[in-house]
């Protein structure tokens, strides 16, 4: 969490955070960090299924999940196990409490048309070409 009484609003912590979890609050002039809506999670006046962060309950695609990763029988632990969830940047040694799920395989759409347009001649890396790839090749060959 951020101690708002000490924070001078320099924004350096947002640049240093590898997760992009810090945001500057222009109204108060200090940095903020996601608290996972801790006031909702421990609110005994809410039903158990409603004790989740707002981002989880409002996600229209149900792409966010919340639960106890320390409990191997929890729904979220089973989901991580089934889908092969992983830590973001574990090599940094931060030991995050979040897990990321790989994309689910998607089935190709059934159409009568070509699956992809053929590449434009000279547009592939290493072919000389023009535009972005030519610039990128010149940059990488330095």
Foldseek 3Di string as FASTA:
>chain_A
DDDLVPFQLPCPVCVVDPVNQWDADPVSSGIDGDPQPCVQLPPPVDDNVRSGRPCCVPPPVNQDDDDDCVDCPDPVNVVCVVQVWADDPCVVVPPDPDTDGDDDDDDQDDDPDDSDDDDDPQPDAPSCRDDPNVVVNVVVVD
